[in-house]
């Protein structure tokens, strides 16, 4: 059902934007990641060339195509064929590769294949069983000392999330149904996020941020956890 909702969303957007440029939160992370590469991977001068990157919930390729342009070896994993078609068109000859599947299913990559895995507000629509697969698989395909960058929906201090949890609650813990789309989303308290993710990864940095989201022309302030982790 979530697959059908995302396909409908990319055909007739109510949540996602039509931008083709990389997300600002991702560009900010890459500044940190360059320092990490220089310090821990002996890449001087720093270059993304040859880095193996997995973009989970890659959408229309905003972040994946940007890294492919920097000569990284990038795979995008996306559930919507419409989004993949757009991403491929935008990619042109850049070399980014796209796979159609849920990020909550087993991945086809070998162990410790990737240097970097990113999930920018993509896993929030997984159910708990899918989330366990997603975490286990990211851990499996990420190399030792590799980096996992996540932006997740924040429960703490988010009035919109609190309203939806009270008035549109779904079956599982801290989930609600988006009334405009029928999409189920999961929000996290700080302690809950740490409890779940620290079973698989070492949390290097965790910040609460906020930005504005537009749904059907209505603007909402949303809070997020922006988290950098290491295997």
Protein backbone atom coordinates (compact mmCIF):
# COMPACT_ATOMS: atom_id res chain seq x y z
CA UNK A 1 0.00 0.00 0.00
CA UNK A 2 2.82 2.43 0.86
CA UNK A 3 4.36 1.64 -2.52
CA UNK A 4 1.16 2.72 -4.30
CA UNK A 5 0.98 5.90 -2.22
CA UNK A 6 4.54 6.87 -3.12
CA UNK A 7 3.94 6.15 -6.80
CA UNK A 8 0.85 8.37 -6.70
CA UNK A 9 2.83 11.04 -4.83
CA UNK A 10 5.54 11.24 -7.49
CA UNK A 11 2.96 11.36 -10.26
CA UNK A 12 0.94 14.08 -8.53
CA UNK A 13 3.15 15.64 -5.83
CA UNK A 14 1.69 16.89 -2.58
CA UNK A 15 4.77 16.38 -0.39
CA UNK A 16 7.86 16.10 -2.57
CA UNK A 17 9.31 19.06 -4.43
CA UNK A 18 10.33 19.24 -8.06
CA UNK A 19 13.86 20.44 -7.28
CA UNK A 20 16.79 18.80 -9.03
CA UNK A 21 19.53 20.32 -6.85
CA UNK A 22 20.97 18.43 -3.84
CA UNK A 23 19.29 19.01 -0.49
CA UNK A 24 20.89 21.64 1.73
CA UNK A 25 21.14 19.25 4.69
CA UNK A 26 23.07 16.86 2.47
CA UNK A 27 25.48 19.54 1.25
CA UNK A 28 26.15 20.55 4.85
CA UNK A 29 26.89 16.93 5.73
CA UNK A 30 29.30 16.63 2.79
CA UNK A 31 31.43 19.43 4.24
CA UNK A 32 31.87 17.34 7.37
CA UNK A 33 32.42 14.20 5.29
CA UNK A 34 35.29 15.82 3.39
CA UNK A 35 37.05 16.40 6.70
CA UNK A 36 36.37 12.79 7.67
CA UNK A 37 37.87 11.53 4.39
CA UNK A 38 40.95 13.67 4.86
CA UNK A 39 41.46 12.61 8.46
CA UNK A 40 40.51 8.93 8.41
CA UNK A 41 40.81 7.85 4.79
CA UNK A 42 44.01 9.70 3.85
CA UNK A 43 42.36 11.35 0.84
CA UNK A 44 44.52 14.38 0.13
CA UNK A 45 43.36 16.24 -1.88
CA UNK A 46 39.87 15.23 -0.84
CA UNK A 47 37.86 13.67 -3.65
CA UNK A 48 34.65 11.67 -3.89
CA UNK A 49 35.99 9.80 -6.92
CA UNK A 50 35.50 6.06 -6.60
CA UNK A 51 33.59 6.24 -3.31
CA UNK A 52 30.78 3.72 -3.15
CA UNK A 53 27.56 5.39 -2.02
CA UNK A 54 24.06 4.03 -1.43
CA UNK A 55 21.23 6.59 -1.41
CA UNK A 56 18.17 5.06 0.27
CA UNK A 57 14.88 6.47 -0.94
CA UNK A 58 16.72 8.35 -3.65
CA UNK A 59 13.59 9.95 -5.12
CA UNK A 60 14.28 11.94 -8.27
CA UNK A 61 18.05 11.70 -7.85
CA UNK A 62 18.83 15.07 -6.29
CA UNK A 63 21.63 13.78 -4.05
CA UNK A 64 22.68 10.69 -5.99
CA UNK A 65 23.23 12.54 -9.24
CA UNK A 66 25.21 15.24 -7.46
CA UNK A 67 27.66 12.66 -6.10
CA UNK A 68 27.80 10.87 -9.45
CA UNK A 69 28.83 14.20 -10.97
CA UNK A 70 31.70 14.18 -8.45
CA UNK A 71 32.78 10.76 -9.81
CA UNK A 72 31.42 8.70 -6.92
CA UNK A 73 30.05 5.22 -7.65
CA UNK A 74 26.43 5.80 -6.64
CA UNK A 75 23.41 3.53 -6.33
CA UNK A 76 19.97 4.95 -5.62
CA UNK A 77 17.28 2.70 -4.14
CA UNK A 78 13.73 3.89 -4.70
CA UNK A 79 10.25 2.35 -4.54
CA UNK A 80 8.61 4.60 -7.16
CA UNK A 81 9.22 3.90 -10.84
CA UNK A 82 8.11 7.43 -11.71
CA UNK A 83 10.79 8.86 -9.41
CA UNK A 84 13.42 6.54 -10.90
CA UNK A 85 12.50 7.53 -14.45
CA UNK A 86 12.92 11.19 -13.52
CA UNK A 87 16.23 10.49 -11.77
CA UNK A 88 17.60 8.62 -14.78
CA UNK A 89 16.56 11.39 -17.15
CA UNK A 90 18.25 13.97 -14.97
CA UNK A 91 21.35 11.79 -14.60
CA UNK A 92 22.01 11.63 -18.33
CA UNK A 93 25.50 10.17 -18.70
CA UNK A 94 26.58 10.76 -15.10
CA UNK A 95 26.58 7.06 -14.26
CA UNK A 96 24.32 6.95 -11.22
CA UNK A 97 22.51 3.61 -11.04
CA UNK A 98 18.96 3.18 -9.77
CA UNK A 99 17.27 0.14 -8.26
CA UNK A 100 13.52 -0.19 -7.86
CA UNK A 101 12.75 -1.73 -4.47
CA UNK A 102 11.73 -0.90 -0.93
CA UNK A 103 14.56 0.03 1.41
CA UNK A 104 12.88 -2.29 3.93
CA UNK A 105 13.70 -5.42 1.89
CA UNK A 106 16.92 -7.44 1.61
CA UNK A 107 19.57 -5.70 -0.51
CA UNK A 108 21.39 -7.39 -3.39
CA UNK A 109 24.85 -6.01 -2.54
CA UNK A 110 27.72 -7.95 -1.04
CA UNK A 111 28.92 -7.41 2.51
CA UNK A 112 30.79 -4.17 3.28
CA UNK A 113 30.37 -2.86 -0.26
CA UNK A 114 29.65 0.82 0.51
CA UNK A 115 31.72 3.61 2.02
CA UNK A 116 28.69 5.79 2.69
CA UNK A 117 24.95 5.19 3.07
CA UNK A 118 22.47 8.07 3.24
CA UNK A 119 18.82 8.12 4.29
CA UNK A 120 17.32 11.59 4.17
CA UNK A 121 13.79 11.32 5.55
CA UNK A 122 13.12 8.10 3.65
CA UNK A 123 12.81 5.36 6.29
CA UNK A 124 10.06 7.21 8.17
CA UNK A 125 7.41 5.30 6.16
CA UNK A 126 8.75 1.83 7.03
CA UNK A 127 6.90 -0.36 9.49
CA UNK A 128 8.77 -1.91 12.41
CA UNK A 129 9.50 -5.22 10.66
CA UNK A 130 10.83 -3.39 7.59
CA UNK A 131 12.89 -1.10 9.83
CA UNK A 132 14.72 -4.06 11.36
CA UNK A 133 15.59 -5.34 7.88
CA UNK A 134 16.70 -1.87 6.78
CA UNK A 135 19.00 -1.43 9.78
CA UNK A 136 20.44 -4.91 9.49
CA UNK A 137 21.04 -4.55 5.76
CA UNK A 138 22.66 -1.12 6.03
CA UNK A 139 24.96 -2.54 8.69
CA UNK A 140 25.79 -5.49 6.46
CA UNK A 141 26.56 -3.56 3.26
CA UNK A 142 28.46 -0.72 4.97
CA UNK A 143 32.21 -1.15 5.27
CA UNK A 144 33.94 -1.11 8.64
CA UNK A 145 34.27 2.53 9.75
CA UNK A 146 31.85 3.54 6.98
CA UNK A 147 29.42 6.40 7.57
CA UNK A 148 25.62 6.26 7.78
CA UNK A 149 23.91 9.66 7.49
CA UNK A 150 20.24 9.90 8.49
CA UNK A 151 17.63 12.60 8.74
CA UNK A 152 14.55 11.35 10.61
CA UNK A 153 11.31 12.93 11.73
CA UNK A 154 11.50 14.30 15.28
CA UNK A 155 8.74 13.85 17.84
CA UNK A 156 10.21 16.09 20.54
CA UNK A 157 8.76 19.60 20.37
CA UNK A 158 7.08 19.13 16.98
CA UNK A 159 3.52 20.46 17.30
CA UNK A 160 2.43 19.05 13.95
CA UNK A 161 3.66 15.57 14.88
CA UNK A 162 1.93 15.77 18.27
CA UNK A 163 -1.34 16.78 16.59
CA UNK A 164 -1.16 13.94 14.08
CA UNK A 165 -0.26 11.35 16.72
CA UNK A 166 -3.31 12.43 18.73
CA UNK A 167 -5.81 12.77 15.90
CA UNK A 168 -4.56 10.46 13.12
CA UNK A 169 -2.68 7.75 14.98
CA UNK A 170 -1.68 4.56 13.18
CA UNK A 171 -1.24 1.07 14.62
CA UNK A 172 2.46 1.04 15.53
CA UNK A 173 4.41 3.07 18.09
CA UNK A 174 4.73 6.80 17.32
CA UNK A 175 3.12 6.52 13.89
CA UNK A 176 0.35 8.53 12.28
CA UNK A 177 -1.49 8.64 8.95
CA UNK A 178 -0.99 11.71 6.81
CA UNK A 179 -4.58 12.82 6.07
CA UNK A 180 -3.70 14.35 2.71
CA UNK A 181 -1.99 11.25 1.29
CA UNK A 182 -2.72 8.23 3.49
CA UNK A 183 1.02 7.79 4.03
CA UNK A 184 2.03 6.35 7.41
CA UNK A 185 4.96 8.13 9.05
CA UNK A 186 7.10 7.32 12.09
CA UNK A 187 8.49 10.00 14.40
CA UNK A 188 11.25 9.53 16.99
CA UNK A 189 12.03 10.90 20.39
CA UNK A 190 15.76 11.36 20.98
CA UNK A 191 15.95 8.43 23.37
CA UNK A 192 13.97 6.18 21.06
CA UNK A 193 16.16 6.96 18.06
CA UNK A 194 19.32 6.26 20.06
CA UNK A 195 17.87 3.03 21.43
CA UNK A 196 17.04 1.69 17.96
CA UNK A 197 20.02 2.86 15.89
CA UNK A 198 22.78 2.38 18.46
CA UNK A 199 22.20 -1.38 18.31
CA UNK A 200 23.82 -1.26 14.86
CA UNK A 201 25.93 1.91 14.68
CA UNK A 202 28.02 4.27 16.74
CA UNK A 203 26.36 7.69 16.88
CA UNK A 204 28.97 10.38 16.18
CA UNK A 205 26.71 13.42 16.10
CA UNK A 206 22.99 14.06 16.60
CA UNK A 207 21.32 17.43 16.16
CA UNK A 208 17.73 18.64 16.17
CA UNK A 209 16.94 20.90 13.23
CA UNK A 210 13.80 22.42 11.79
CA UNK A 211 12.52 23.47 8.42
CA UNK A 212 9.25 24.15 6.69
CA UNK A 213 7.30 21.56 4.71
CA UNK A 214 4.49 22.31 2.29
CA UNK A 215 1.54 19.93 1.94
CA UNK A 216 -1.21 20.84 -0.51
CA UNK A 217 -0.17 24.46 -0.33
CA UNK A 218 -0.19 24.55 3.49
CA UNK A 219 3.10 25.27 5.25
CA UNK A 220 4.13 23.37 8.39
CA UNK A 221 7.18 23.76 10.59
CA UNK A 222 8.75 20.32 11.09
CA UNK A 223 11.56 19.19 13.35
CA UNK A 224 14.13 16.58 12.37
CA UNK A 225 16.97 14.56 13.83
CA UNK A 226 20.10 14.88 11.71
CA UNK A 227 22.42 12.08 12.70
CA UNK A 228 25.88 10.98 11.59
CA UNK A 229 26.80 7.41 12.49
CA UNK A 230 29.69 5.03 11.96
CA UNK A 231 29.78 1.27 11.68
